[in-house]
């Protein structure tokens, strides 16, 4: 049963990582961190 659950989790992980929604999220996150205003706000927050 534990091996079956582990396999199901591995399969779920693969499906999520390859999903269009997650890929879109990664792309948008990358674009966000490239934005000058976001970088300024983040630097101010960290300081």
ModelCIF file with pLDDT and N, C-alpha, C, O atoms, coordinates in Angstrom:
data_MODEL
#
_entry.id   MODEL 
#
_entity.id                         1 
_entity.type                       polymer 
_entity.pdbx_number_of_molecules   1 
#
_entity_poly.entity_id                      1 
_entity_poly.type                           'polypeptide(L)' 
_entity_poly.nstd_linkage                   no 
_entity_poly.nstd_monomer                   no 
_entity_poly.pdbx_seq_one_letter_code       
;(UNK)(UNK)(UNK)(UNK)(UNK)(UNK)(UNK)(UNK)(UNK)(UNK)(UNK)(UNK)(UNK)(UNK)(UNK)(UNK)
(UNK)(UNK)(UNK)(UNK)(UNK)(UNK)(UNK)(UNK)(UNK)(UNK)(UNK)(UNK)(UNK)(UNK)(UNK)(UNK)
(UNK)(UNK)(UNK)(UNK)(UNK)(UNK)(UNK)(UNK)(UNK)(UNK)(UNK)(UNK)(UNK)(UNK)(UNK)
;
_entity_poly.pdbx_seq_one_letter_code_can   XXXXXXXXXXXXXXXXXXXXXXXXXXXXXXXXXXXXXXXXXXXXXXX 
_entity_poly.pdbx_strand_id                 A 
#
loop_
_entity_poly_seq.entity_id 
_entity_poly_seq.num 
_entity_poly_seq.mon_id 
_entity_poly_seq.hetero 
1 1  UNK n 
1 2  UNK n 
1 3  UNK n 
1 4  UNK n 
1 5  UNK n 
1 6  UNK n 
1 7  UNK n 
1 8  UNK n 
1 9  UNK n 
1 10 UNK n 
1 11 UNK n 
1 12 UNK n 
1 13 UNK n 
1 14 UNK n 
1 15 UNK n 
1 16 UNK n 
1 17 UNK n 
1 18 UNK n 
1 19 UNK n 
1 20 UNK n 
1 21 UNK n 
1 22 UNK n 
1 23 UNK n 
1 24 UNK n 
1 25 UNK n 
1 26 UNK n 
1 27 UNK n 
1 28 UNK n 
1 29 UNK n 
1 30 UNK n 
1 31 UNK n 
1 32 UNK n 
1 33 UNK n 
1 34 UNK n 
1 35 UNK n 
1 36 UNK n 
1 37 UNK n 
1 38 UNK n 
1 39 UNK n 
1 40 UNK n 
1 41 UNK n 
1 42 UNK n 
1 43 UNK n 
1 44 UNK n 
1 45 UNK n 
1 46 UNK n 
1 47 UNK n 
#
_struct_asym.id          A 
_struct_asym.entity_id   1 
#
loop_
_ma_qa_metric.id 
_ma_qa_metric.mode 
_ma_qa_metric.name 
_ma_qa_metric.software_group_id 
_ma_qa_metric.type 
1 global pLDDT . pLDDT 
2 local  pLDDT . pLDDT 
#
_ma_qa_metric_global.metric_id      1 
_ma_qa_metric_global.metric_value   95.02 
_ma_qa_metric_global.model_id       1 
_ma_qa_metric_global.ordinal_id     1 
#
loop_
_ma_qa_metric_local.label_asym_id 
_ma_qa_metric_local.label_comp_id 
_ma_qa_metric_local.label_seq_id 
_ma_qa_metric_local.metric_id 
_ma_qa_metric_local.metric_value 
_ma_qa_metric_local.model_id 
_ma_qa_metric_local.ordinal_id 
A UNK 1  2 89.00 1 1  
A UNK 2  2 90.00 1 2  
A UNK 3  2 91.00 1 3  
A UNK 4  2 92.00 1 4  
A UNK 5  2 94.00 1 5  
A UNK 6  2 93.00 1 6  
A UNK 7  2 95.00 1 7  
A UNK 8  2 96.00 1 8  
A UNK 9  2 97.00 1 9  
A UNK 10 2 97.00 1 10 
A UNK 11 2 97.00 1 11 
A UNK 12 2 97.00 1 12 
A UNK 13 2 97.00 1 13 
A UNK 14 2 97.00 1 14 
A UNK 15 2 97.00 1 15 
A UNK 16 2 96.00 1 16 
A UNK 17 2 96.00 1 17 
A UNK 18 2 97.00 1 18 
A UNK 19 2 97.00 1 19 
A UNK 20 2 97.00 1 20 
A UNK 21 2 97.00 1 21 
A UNK 22 2 96.00 1 22 
A UNK 23 2 97.00 1 23 
A UNK 24 2 97.00 1 24 
A UNK 25 2 97.00 1 25 
A UNK 26 2 96.00 1 26 
A UNK 27 2 96.00 1 27 
A UNK 28 2 96.00 1 28 
A UNK 29 2 94.00 1 29 
A UNK 30 2 94.00 1 30 
A UNK 31 2 94.00 1 31 
A UNK 32 2 92.00 1 32 
A UNK 33 2 90.00 1 33 
A UNK 34 2 93.00 1 34 
A UNK 35 2 94.00 1 35 
A UNK 36 2 95.00 1 36 
A UNK 37 2 95.00 1 37 
A UNK 38 2 93.00 1 38 
A UNK 39 2 94.00 1 39 
A UNK 40 2 95.00 1 40 
A UNK 41 2 95.00 1 41 
A UNK 42 2 94.00 1 42 
A UNK 43 2 95.00 1 43 
A UNK 44 2 97.00 1 44 
A UNK 45 2 96.00 1 45 
A UNK 46 2 96.00 1 46 
A UNK 47 2 96.00 1 47 
#
loop_
_atom_site.group_PDB 
_atom_site.id 
_atom_site.type_symbol 
_atom_site.label_atom_id 
_atom_site.label_alt_id 
_atom_site.label_comp_id 
_atom_site.label_asym_id 
_atom_site.label_entity_id 
_atom_site.label_seq_id 
_atom_site.pdbx_PDB_ins_code 
_atom_site.Cartn_x 
_atom_site.Cartn_y 
_atom_site.Cartn_z 
_atom_site.occupancy 
_atom_site.B_iso_or_equiv 
_atom_site.pdbx_formal_charge 
_atom_site.auth_seq_id 
_atom_site.auth_comp_id 
_atom_site.auth_asym_id 
_atom_site.auth_atom_id 
_atom_site.pdbx_PDB_model_num 
ATOM 1   N N  . UNK A 1 1  ? 0.829  -1.203 0.000   1.00 89.00 ? 1  UNK A N  1 
ATOM 2   C CA . UNK A 1 1  ? 0.000  0.000  0.000   1.00 89.00 ? 1  UNK A CA 1 
ATOM 3   C C  . UNK A 1 1  ? 0.867  1.258  0.000   1.00 89.00 ? 1  UNK A C  1 
ATOM 4   O O  . UNK A 1 1  ? 0.572  2.220  -0.709  1.00 89.00 ? 1  UNK A O  1 
ATOM 5   N N  . UNK A 1 2  ? 1.936  1.248  0.797   1.00 90.00 ? 2  UNK A N  1 
ATOM 6   C CA . UNK A 1 2  ? 2.818  2.405  0.834   1.00 90.00 ? 2  UNK A CA 1 
ATOM 7   C C  . UNK A 1 2  ? 3.531  2.593  -0.500  1.00 90.00 ? 2  UNK A C  1 
ATOM 8   O O  . UNK A 1 2  ? 3.695  3.722  -0.963  1.00 90.00 ? 2  UNK A O  1 
ATOM 9   N N  . UNK A 1 3  ? 3.951  1.505  -1.113  1.00 91.00 ? 3  UNK A N  1 
ATOM 10  C CA . UNK A 1 3  ? 4.587  1.609  -2.425  1.00 91.00 ? 3  UNK A CA 1 
ATOM 11  C C  . UNK A 1 3  ? 3.601  2.139  -3.462  1.00 91.00 ? 3  UNK A C  1 
ATOM 12  O O  . UNK A 1 3  ? 3.978  2.916  -4.340  1.00 91.00 ? 3  UNK A O  1 
ATOM 13  N N  . UNK A 1 4  ? 2.345  1.722  -3.363  1.00 92.00 ? 4  UNK A N  1 
ATOM 14  C CA . UNK A 1 4  ? 1.320  2.211  -4.290  1.00 92.00 ? 4  UNK A CA 1 
ATOM 15  C C  . UNK A 1 4  ? 1.105  3.715  -4.092  1.00 92.00 ? 4  UNK A C  1 
ATOM 16  O O  . UNK A 1 4  ? 0.997  4.461  -5.065  1.00 92.00 ? 4  UNK A O  1 
ATOM 17  N N  . UNK A 1 5  ? 1.044  4.153  -2.839  1.00 94.00 ? 5  UNK A N  1 
ATOM 18  C CA . UNK A 1 5  ? 0.878  5.580  -2.558  1.00 94.00 ? 5  UNK A CA 1 
ATOM 19  C C  . UNK A 1 5  ? 2.081  6.363  -3.069  1.00 94.00 ? 5  UNK A C  1 
ATOM 20  O O  . UNK A 1 5  ? 1.921  7.434  -3.656  1.00 94.00 ? 5  UNK A O  1 
ATOM 21  N N  . UNK A 1 6  ? 3.276  5.841  -2.853  1.00 93.00 ? 6  UNK A N  1 
ATOM 22  C CA . UNK A 1 6  ? 4.481  6.511  -3.341  1.00 93.00 ? 6  UNK A CA 1 
ATOM 23  C C  . UNK A 1 6  ? 4.448  6.652  -4.865  1.00 93.00 ? 6  UNK A C  1 
ATOM 24  O O  . UNK A 1 6  ? 4.807  7.702  -5.397  1.00 93.00 ? 6  UNK A O  1 
ATOM 25  N N  . UNK A 1 7  ? 4.027  5.617  -5.554  1.00 95.00 ? 7  UNK A N  1 
ATOM 26  C CA . UNK A 1 7  ? 3.923  5.681  -7.015  1.00 95.00 ? 7  UNK A CA 1 
ATOM 27  C C  . UNK A 1 7  ? 2.871  6.697  -7.454  1.00 95.00 ? 7  UNK A C  1 
ATOM 28  O O  . UNK A 1 7  ? 3.074  7.424  -8.426  1.00 95.00 ? 7  UNK A O  1 
ATOM 29  N N  . UNK A 1 8  ? 1.754  6.746  -6.742  1.00 96.00 ? 8  UNK A N  1 
ATOM 30  C CA . UNK A 1 8  ? 0.712  7.720  -7.066  1.00 96.00 ? 8  UNK A CA 1 
ATOM 31  C C  . UNK A 1 8  ? 1.226  9.148  -6.863  1.00 96.00 ? 8  UNK A C  1 
ATOM 32  O O  . UNK A 1 8  ? 0.936  10.036 -7.666  1.00 96.00 ? 8  UNK A O  1 
ATOM 33  N N  . UNK A 1 9  ? 1.988  9.365  -5.792  1.00 97.00 ? 9  UNK A N  1 
ATOM 34  C CA . UNK A 1 9  ? 2.554  10.684 -5.537  1.00 97.00 ? 9  UNK A CA 1 
ATOM 35  C C  . UNK A 1 9  ? 3.553  11.068 -6.634  1.00 97.00 ? 9  UNK A C  1 
ATOM 36  O O  . UNK A 1 9  ? 3.560  12.209 -7.096  1.00 97.00 ? 9  UNK A O  1 
ATOM 37  N N  . UNK A 1 10 ? 4.380  10.135 -7.040  1.00 97.00 ? 10 UNK A N  1 
ATOM 38  C CA . UNK A 1 10 ? 5.335  10.400 -8.123  1.00 97.00 ? 10 UNK A CA 1 
ATOM 39  C C  . UNK A 1 10 ? 4.604  10.766 -9.414  1.00 97.00 ? 10 UNK A C  1 
ATOM 40  O O  . UNK A 1 10 ? 5.002  11.690 -10.123 1.00 97.00 ? 10 UNK A O  1 
ATOM 41  N N  . UNK A 1 11 ? 3.541  10.036 -9.709  1.00 97.00 ? 11 UNK A N  1 
ATOM 42  C CA . UNK A 1 11 ? 2.759  10.313 -10.916 1.00 97.00 ? 11 UNK A CA 1 
ATOM 43  C C  . UNK A 1 11 ? 2.084  11.681 -10.832 1.00 97.00 ? 11 UNK A C  1 
ATOM 44  O O  . UNK A 1 11 ? 2.073  12.430 -11.809 1.00 97.00 ? 11 UNK A O  1 
ATOM 45  N N  . UNK A 1 12 ? 1.529  12.002 -9.685  1.00 97.00 ? 12 UNK A N  1 
ATOM 46  C CA . UNK A 1 12 ? 0.886  13.297 -9.490  1.00 97.00 ? 12 UNK A CA 1 
ATOM 47  C C  . UNK A 1 12 ? 1.899  14.422 -9.664  1.00 97.00 ? 12 UNK A C  1 
ATOM 48  O O  . UNK A 1 12 ? 1.608  15.433 -10.303 1.00 97.00 ? 12 UNK A O  1 
ATOM 49  N N  . UNK A 1 13 ? 3.073  14.248 -9.100  1.00 97.00 ? 13 UNK A N  1 
ATOM 50  C CA . UNK A 1 13 ? 4.137  15.235 -9.220  1.00 97.00 ? 13 UNK A CA 1 
ATOM 51  C C  . UNK A 1 13 ? 4.474  15.475 -10.693 1.00 97.00 ? 13 UNK A C  1 
ATOM 52  O O  . UNK A 1 13 ? 4.577  16.623 -11.127 1.00 97.00 ? 13 UNK A O  1 
ATOM 53  N N  . UNK A 1 14 ? 4.642  14.416 -11.447 1.00 97.00 ? 14 UNK A N  1 
ATOM 54  C CA . UNK A 1 14 ? 4.967  14.540 -12.869 1.00 97.00 ? 14 UNK A CA 1 
ATOM 55  C C  . UNK A 1 14 ? 3.865  15.273 -13.630 1.00 97.00 ? 14 UNK A C  1 
ATOM 56  O O  . UNK A 1 14 ? 4.148  16.131 -14.465 1.00 97.00 ? 14 UNK A O  1 
ATOM 57  N N  . UNK A 1 15 ? 2.620  14.937 -13.343 1.00 97.00 ? 15 UNK A N  1 
ATOM 58  C CA . UNK A 1 15 ? 1.492  15.579 -14.024 1.00 97.00 ? 15 UNK A CA 1 
ATOM 59  C C  . UNK A 1 15 ? 1.447  17.074 -13.696 1.00 97.00 ? 15 UNK A C  1 
ATOM 60  O O  . UNK A 1 15 ? 1.233  17.904 -14.579 1.00 97.00 ? 15 UNK A O  1 
ATOM 61  N N  . UNK A 1 16 ? 1.648  17.405 -12.430 1.00 96.00 ? 16 UNK A N  1 
ATOM 62  C CA . UNK A 1 16 ? 1.608  18.810 -12.024 1.00 96.00 ? 16 UNK A CA 1 
ATOM 63  C C  . UNK A 1 16 ? 2.735  19.606 -12.661 1.00 96.00 ? 16 UNK A C  1 
ATOM 64  O O  . UNK A 1 16 ? 2.511  20.706 -13.167 1.00 96.00 ? 16 UNK A O  1 
ATOM 65  N N  . UNK A 1 17 ? 3.939  19.060 -12.640 1.00 96.00 ? 17 UNK A N  1 
ATOM 66  C CA . UNK A 1 17 ? 5.098  19.764 -13.189 1.00 96.00 ? 17 UNK A CA 1 
ATOM 67  C C  . UNK A 1 17 ? 4.929  20.010 -14.691 1.00 96.00 ? 17 UNK A C  1 
ATOM 68  O O  . UNK A 1 17 ? 5.333  21.054 -15.204 1.00 96.00 ? 17 UNK A O  1 
ATOM 69  N N  . UNK A 1 18 ? 4.343  19.064 -15.372 1.00 97.00 ? 18 UNK A N  1 
ATOM 70  C CA . UNK A 1 18 ? 4.191  19.182 -16.824 1.00 97.00 ? 18 UNK A CA 1 
ATOM 71  C C  . UNK A 1 18 ? 2.917  19.914 -17.238 1.00 97.00 ? 18 UNK A C  1 
ATOM 72  O O  . UNK A 1 18 ? 2.698  20.146 -18.427 1.00 97.00 ? 18 UNK A O  1 
ATOM 73  N N  . UNK A 1 19 ? 2.083  20.277 -16.279 1.00 97.00 ? 19 UNK A N  1 
ATOM 74  C CA . UNK A 1 19 ? 0.808  20.898 -16.616 1.00 97.00 ? 19 UNK A CA 1 
ATOM 75  C C  . UNK A 1 19 ? 1.018  22.299 -17.196 1.00 97.00 ? 19 UNK A C  1 
ATOM 76  O O  . UNK A 1 19 ? 1.985  22.984 -16.862 1.00 97.00 ? 19 UNK A O  1 
ATOM 77  N N  . UNK A 1 20 ? 0.112  22.703 -18.053 1.00 97.00 ? 20 UNK A N  1 
ATOM 78  C CA . UNK A 1 20 ? 0.167  24.023 -18.675 1.00 97.00 ? 20 UNK A CA 1 
ATOM 79  C C  . UNK A 1 20 ? 0.046  25.122 -17.616 1.00 97.00 ? 20 UNK A C  1 
ATOM 80  O O  . UNK A 1 20 ? 0.689  26.166 -17.723 1.00 97.00 ? 20 UNK A O  1 
ATOM 81  N N  . UNK A 1 21 ? -0.766 24.885 -16.615 1.00 97.00 ? 21 UNK A N  1 
ATOM 82  C CA . UNK A 1 21 ? -0.956 25.884 -15.558 1.00 97.00 ? 21 UNK A CA 1 
ATOM 83  C C  . UNK A 1 21 ? 0.348  26.149 -14.817 1.00 97.00 ? 21 UNK A C  1 
ATOM 84  O O  . UNK A 1 21 ? 0.711  27.300 -14.577 1.00 97.00 ? 21 UNK A O  1 
ATOM 85  N N  . UNK A 1 22 ? 1.048  25.079 -14.457 1.00 96.00 ? 22 UNK A N  1 
ATOM 86  C CA . UNK A 1 22 ? 2.304  25.249 -13.724 1.00 96.00 ? 22 UNK A CA 1 
ATOM 87  C C  . UNK A 1 22 ? 3.370  25.874 -14.616 1.00 96.00 ? 22 UNK A C  1 
ATOM 88  O O  . UNK A 1 22 ? 4.136  26.724 -14.161 1.00 96.00 ? 22 UNK A O  1 
ATOM 89  N N  . UNK A 1 23 ? 3.426  25.468 -15.863 1.00 97.00 ? 23 UNK A N  1 
ATOM 90  C CA . UNK A 1 23 ? 4.398  26.052 -16.789 1.00 97.00 ? 23 UNK A CA 1 
ATOM 91  C C  . UNK A 1 23 ? 4.132  27.542 -16.986 1.00 97.00 ? 23 UNK A C  1 
ATOM 92  O O  . UNK A 1 23 ? 5.067  28.340 -17.061 1.00 97.00 ? 23 UNK A O  1 
ATOM 93  N N  . UNK A 1 24 ? 2.848  27.915 -17.069 1.00 97.00 ? 24 UNK A N  1 
ATOM 94  C CA . UNK A 1 24 ? 2.478  29.318 -17.178 1.00 97.00 ? 24 UNK A CA 1 
ATOM 95  C C  . UNK A 1 24 ? 2.891  30.079 -15.915 1.00 97.00 ? 24 UNK A C  1 
ATOM 96  O O  . UNK A 1 24 ? 3.384  31.204 -15.991 1.00 97.00 ? 24 UNK A O  1 
ATOM 97  N N  . UNK A 1 25 ? 2.683  29.453 -14.758 1.00 97.00 ? 25 UNK A N  1 
ATOM 98  C CA . UNK A 1 25 ? 3.079  30.064 -13.493 1.00 97.00 ? 25 UNK A CA 1 
ATOM 99  C C  . UNK A 1 25 ? 4.586  30.340 -13.489 1.00 97.00 ? 25 UNK A C  1 
ATOM 100 O O  . UNK A 1 25 ? 5.011  31.430 -13.106 1.00 97.00 ? 25 UNK A O  1 
ATOM 101 N N  . UNK A 1 26 ? 5.388  29.371 -13.907 1.00 96.00 ? 26 UNK A N  1 
ATOM 102 C CA . UNK A 1 26 ? 6.841  29.558 -13.931 1.00 96.00 ? 26 UNK A CA 1 
ATOM 103 C C  . UNK A 1 26 ? 7.240  30.699 -14.867 1.00 96.00 ? 26 UNK A C  1 
ATOM 104 O O  . UNK A 1 26 ? 8.133  31.487 -14.556 1.00 96.00 ? 26 UNK A O  1 
ATOM 105 N N  . UNK A 1 27 ? 6.567  30.777 -16.016 1.00 96.00 ? 27 UNK A N  1 
ATOM 106 C CA . UNK A 1 27 ? 6.861  31.834 -16.973 1.00 96.00 ? 27 UNK A CA 1 
ATOM 107 C C  . UNK A 1 27 ? 6.513  33.202 -16.394 1.00 96.00 ? 27 UNK A C  1 
ATOM 108 O O  . UNK A 1 27 ? 7.303  34.140 -16.493 1.00 96.00 ? 27 UNK A O  1 
ATOM 109 N N  . UNK A 1 28 ? 5.330  33.315 -15.789 1.00 96.00 ? 28 UNK A N  1 
ATOM 110 C CA . UNK A 1 28 ? 4.898  34.583 -15.205 1.00 96.00 ? 28 UNK A CA 1 
ATOM 111 C C  . UNK A 1 28 ? 5.779  34.999 -14.035 1.00 96.00 ? 28 UNK A C  1 
ATOM 112 O O  . UNK A 1 28 ? 6.077  36.180 -13.855 1.00 96.00 ? 28 UNK A O  1 
ATOM 113 N N  . UNK A 1 29 ? 6.189  34.019 -13.248 1.00 94.00 ? 29 UNK A N  1 
ATOM 114 C CA . UNK A 1 29 ? 7.083  34.311 -12.122 1.00 94.00 ? 29 UNK A CA 1 
ATOM 115 C C  . UNK A 1 29 ? 8.412  34.846 -12.634 1.00 94.00 ? 29 UNK A C  1 
ATOM 116 O O  . UNK A 1 29 ? 8.954  35.802 -12.079 1.00 94.00 ? 29 UNK A O  1 
ATOM 117 N N  . UNK A 1 30 ? 8.931  34.244 -13.672 1.00 94.00 ? 30 UNK A N  1 
ATOM 118 C CA . UNK A 1 30 ? 10.184 34.694 -14.273 1.00 94.00 ? 30 UNK A CA 1 
ATOM 119 C C  . UNK A 1 30 ? 10.053 36.122 -14.795 1.00 94.00 ? 30 UNK A C  1 
ATOM 120 O O  . UNK A 1 30 ? 10.933 36.954 -14.572 1.00 94.00 ? 30 UNK A O  1 
ATOM 121 N N  . UNK A 1 31 ? 8.954  36.402 -15.488 1.00 94.00 ? 31 UNK A N  1 
ATOM 122 C CA . UNK A 1 31 ? 8.722  37.750 -16.000 1.00 94.00 ? 31 UNK A CA 1 
ATOM 123 C C  . UNK A 1 31 ? 8.586  38.761 -14.871 1.00 94.00 ? 31 UNK A C  1 
ATOM 124 O O  . UNK A 1 31 ? 9.043  39.898 -14.987 1.00 94.00 ? 31 UNK A O  1 
ATOM 125 N N  . UNK A 1 32 ? 7.957  38.342 -13.785 1.00 92.00 ? 32 UNK A N  1 
ATOM 126 C CA . UNK A 1 32 ? 7.778  39.233 -12.646 1.00 92.00 ? 32 UNK A CA 1 
ATOM 127 C C  . UNK A 1 32 ? 9.136  39.629 -12.063 1.00 92.00 ? 32 UNK A C  1 
ATOM 128 O O  . UNK A 1 32 ? 9.367  40.804 -11.776 1.00 92.00 ? 32 UNK A O  1 
ATOM 129 N N  . UNK A 1 33 ? 10.032 38.659 -11.887 1.00 90.00 ? 33 UNK A N  1 
ATOM 130 C CA . UNK A 1 33 ? 11.330 38.956 -11.307 1.00 90.00 ? 33 UNK A CA 1 
ATOM 131 C C  . UNK A 1 33 ? 12.230 39.760 -12.250 1.00 90.00 ? 33 UNK A C  1 
ATOM 132 O O  . UNK A 1 33 ? 13.209 40.359 -11.806 1.00 90.00 ? 33 UNK A O  1 
ATOM 133 N N  . UNK A 1 34 ? 11.911 39.777 -13.528 1.00 93.00 ? 34 UNK A N  1 
ATOM 134 C CA . UNK A 1 34 ? 12.665 40.583 -14.483 1.00 93.00 ? 34 UNK A CA 1 
ATOM 135 C C  . UNK A 1 34 ? 12.196 42.038 -14.498 1.00 93.00 ? 34 UNK A C  1 
ATOM 136 O O  . UNK A 1 34 ? 12.910 42.917 -14.978 1.00 93.00 ? 34 UNK A O  1 
ATOM 137 N N  . UNK A 1 35 ? 11.011 42.287 -13.979 1.00 94.00 ? 35 UNK A N  1 
ATOM 138 C CA . UNK A 1 35 ? 10.442 43.624 -13.977 1.00 94.00 ? 35 UNK A CA 1 
ATOM 139 C C  . UNK A 1 35 ? 11.227 44.539 -13.036 1.00 94.00 ? 35 UNK A C  1 
ATOM 140 O O  . UNK A 1 35 ? 11.509 44.175 -11.895 1.00 94.00 ? 35 UNK A O  1 
ATOM 141 N N  . UNK A 1 36 ? 11.574 45.724 -13.524 1.00 95.00 ? 36 UNK A N  1 
ATOM 142 C CA . UNK A 1 36 ? 12.383 46.671 -12.749 1.00 95.00 ? 36 UNK A CA 1 
ATOM 143 C C  . UNK A 1 36 ? 11.678 47.092 -11.464 1.00 95.00 ? 36 UNK A C  1 
ATOM 144 O O  . UNK A 1 36 ? 12.298 47.123 -10.401 1.00 95.00 ? 36 UNK A O  1 
ATOM 145 N N  . UNK A 1 37 ? 10.400 47.414 -11.551 1.00 95.00 ? 37 UNK A N  1 
ATOM 146 C CA . UNK A 1 37 ? 9.643  47.860 -10.381 1.00 95.00 ? 37 UNK A CA 1 
ATOM 147 C C  . UNK A 1 37 ? 9.584  46.767 -9.315  1.00 95.00 ? 37 UNK A C  1 
ATOM 148 O O  . UNK A 1 37 ? 9.727  47.048 -8.125  1.00 95.00 ? 37 UNK A O  1 
ATOM 149 N N  . UNK A 1 38 ? 9.375  45.538 -9.736  1.00 93.00 ? 38 UNK A N  1 
ATOM 150 C CA . UNK A 1 38 ? 9.322  44.414 -8.794  1.00 93.00 ? 38 UNK A CA 1 
ATOM 151 C C  . UNK A 1 38 ? 10.675 44.236 -8.114  1.00 93.00 ? 38 UNK A C  1 
ATOM 152 O O  . UNK A 1 38 ? 10.735 44.005 -6.906  1.00 93.00 ? 38 UNK A O  1 
ATOM 153 N N  . UNK A 1 39 ? 11.754 44.342 -8.873  1.00 94.00 ? 39 UNK A N  1 
ATOM 154 C CA . UNK A 1 39 ? 13.093 44.213 -8.282  1.00 94.00 ? 39 UNK A CA 1 
ATOM 155 C C  . UNK A 1 39 ? 13.339 45.308 -7.249  1.00 94.00 ? 39 UNK A C  1 
ATOM 156 O O  . UNK A 1 39 ? 13.910 45.050 -6.190  1.00 94.00 ? 39 UNK A O  1 
ATOM 157 N N  . UNK A 1 40 ? 12.903 46.541 -7.561  1.00 95.00 ? 40 UNK A N  1 
ATOM 158 C CA . UNK A 1 40 ? 13.062 47.647 -6.614  1.00 95.00 ? 40 UNK A CA 1 
ATOM 159 C C  . UNK A 1 40 ? 12.256 47.406 -5.341  1.00 95.00 ? 40 UNK A C  1 
ATOM 160 O O  . UNK A 1 40 ? 12.768 47.589 -4.236  1.00 95.00 ? 40 UNK A O  1 
ATOM 161 N N  . UNK A 1 41 ? 11.008 47.000 -5.492  1.00 95.00 ? 41 UNK A N  1 
ATOM 162 C CA . UNK A 1 41 ? 10.155 46.730 -4.336  1.00 95.00 ? 41 UNK A CA 1 
ATOM 163 C C  . UNK A 1 41 ? 10.720 45.590 -3.484  1.00 95.00 ? 41 UNK A C  1 
ATOM 164 O O  . UNK A 1 41 ? 10.708 45.652 -2.254  1.00 95.00 ? 41 UNK A O  1 
ATOM 165 N N  . UNK A 1 42 ? 11.207 44.566 -4.152  1.00 94.00 ? 42 UNK A N  1 
ATOM 166 C CA . UNK A 1 42 ? 11.775 43.414 -3.435  1.00 94.00 ? 42 UNK A CA 1 
ATOM 167 C C  . UNK A 1 42 ? 13.032 43.824 -2.673  1.00 94.00 ? 42 UNK A C  1 
ATOM 168 O O  . UNK A 1 42 ? 13.209 43.428 -1.521  1.00 94.00 ? 42 UNK A O  1 
ATOM 169 N N  . UNK A 1 43 ? 13.904 44.609 -3.298  1.00 95.00 ? 43 UNK A N  1 
ATOM 170 C CA . UNK A 1 43 ? 15.127 45.069 -2.639  1.00 95.00 ? 43 UNK A CA 1 
ATOM 171 C C  . UNK A 1 43 ? 14.784 45.939 -1.426  1.00 95.00 ? 43 UNK A C  1 
ATOM 172 O O  . UNK A 1 43 ? 15.417 45.819 -0.377  1.00 95.00 ? 43 UNK A O  1 
ATOM 173 N N  . UNK A 1 44 ? 13.780 46.815 -1.569  1.00 97.00 ? 44 UNK A N  1 
ATOM 174 C CA . UNK A 1 44 ? 13.344 47.666 -0.469  1.00 97.00 ? 44 UNK A CA 1 
ATOM 175 C C  . UNK A 1 44 ? 12.789 46.814 0.676   1.00 97.00 ? 44 UNK A C  1 
ATOM 176 O O  . UNK A 1 44 ? 13.089 47.066 1.843   1.00 97.00 ? 44 UNK A O  1 
ATOM 177 N N  . UNK A 1 45 ? 11.994 45.821 0.344   1.00 96.00 ? 45 UNK A N  1 
ATOM 178 C CA . UNK A 1 45 ? 11.425 44.932 1.355   1.00 96.00 ? 45 UNK A CA 1 
ATOM 179 C C  . UNK A 1 45 ? 12.526 44.190 2.107   1.00 96.00 ? 45 UNK A C  1 
ATOM 180 O O  . UNK A 1 45 ? 12.496 44.115 3.336   1.00 96.00 ? 45 UNK A O  1 
ATOM 181 N N  . UNK A 1 46 ? 13.489 43.646 1.383   1.00 96.00 ? 46 UNK A N  1 
ATOM 182 C CA . UNK A 1 46 ? 14.577 42.896 2.014   1.00 96.00 ? 46 UNK A CA 1 
ATOM 183 C C  . UNK A 1 46 ? 15.397 43.802 2.923   1.00 96.00 ? 46 UNK A C  1 
ATOM 184 O O  . UNK A 1 46 ? 15.784 43.392 4.017   1.00 96.00 ? 46 UNK A O  1 
ATOM 185 N N  . UNK A 1 47 ? 15.664 45.015 2.486   1.00 96.00 ? 47 UNK A N  1 
ATOM 186 C CA . UNK A 1 47 ? 16.423 45.963 3.316   1.00 96.00 ? 47 UNK A CA 1 
ATOM 187 C C  . UNK A 1 47 ? 15.662 46.268 4.605   1.00 96.00 ? 47 UNK A C  1 
ATOM 188 O O  . UNK A 1 47 ? 16.137 47.045 5.434   1.00 96.00 ? 47 UNK A O  1 
#
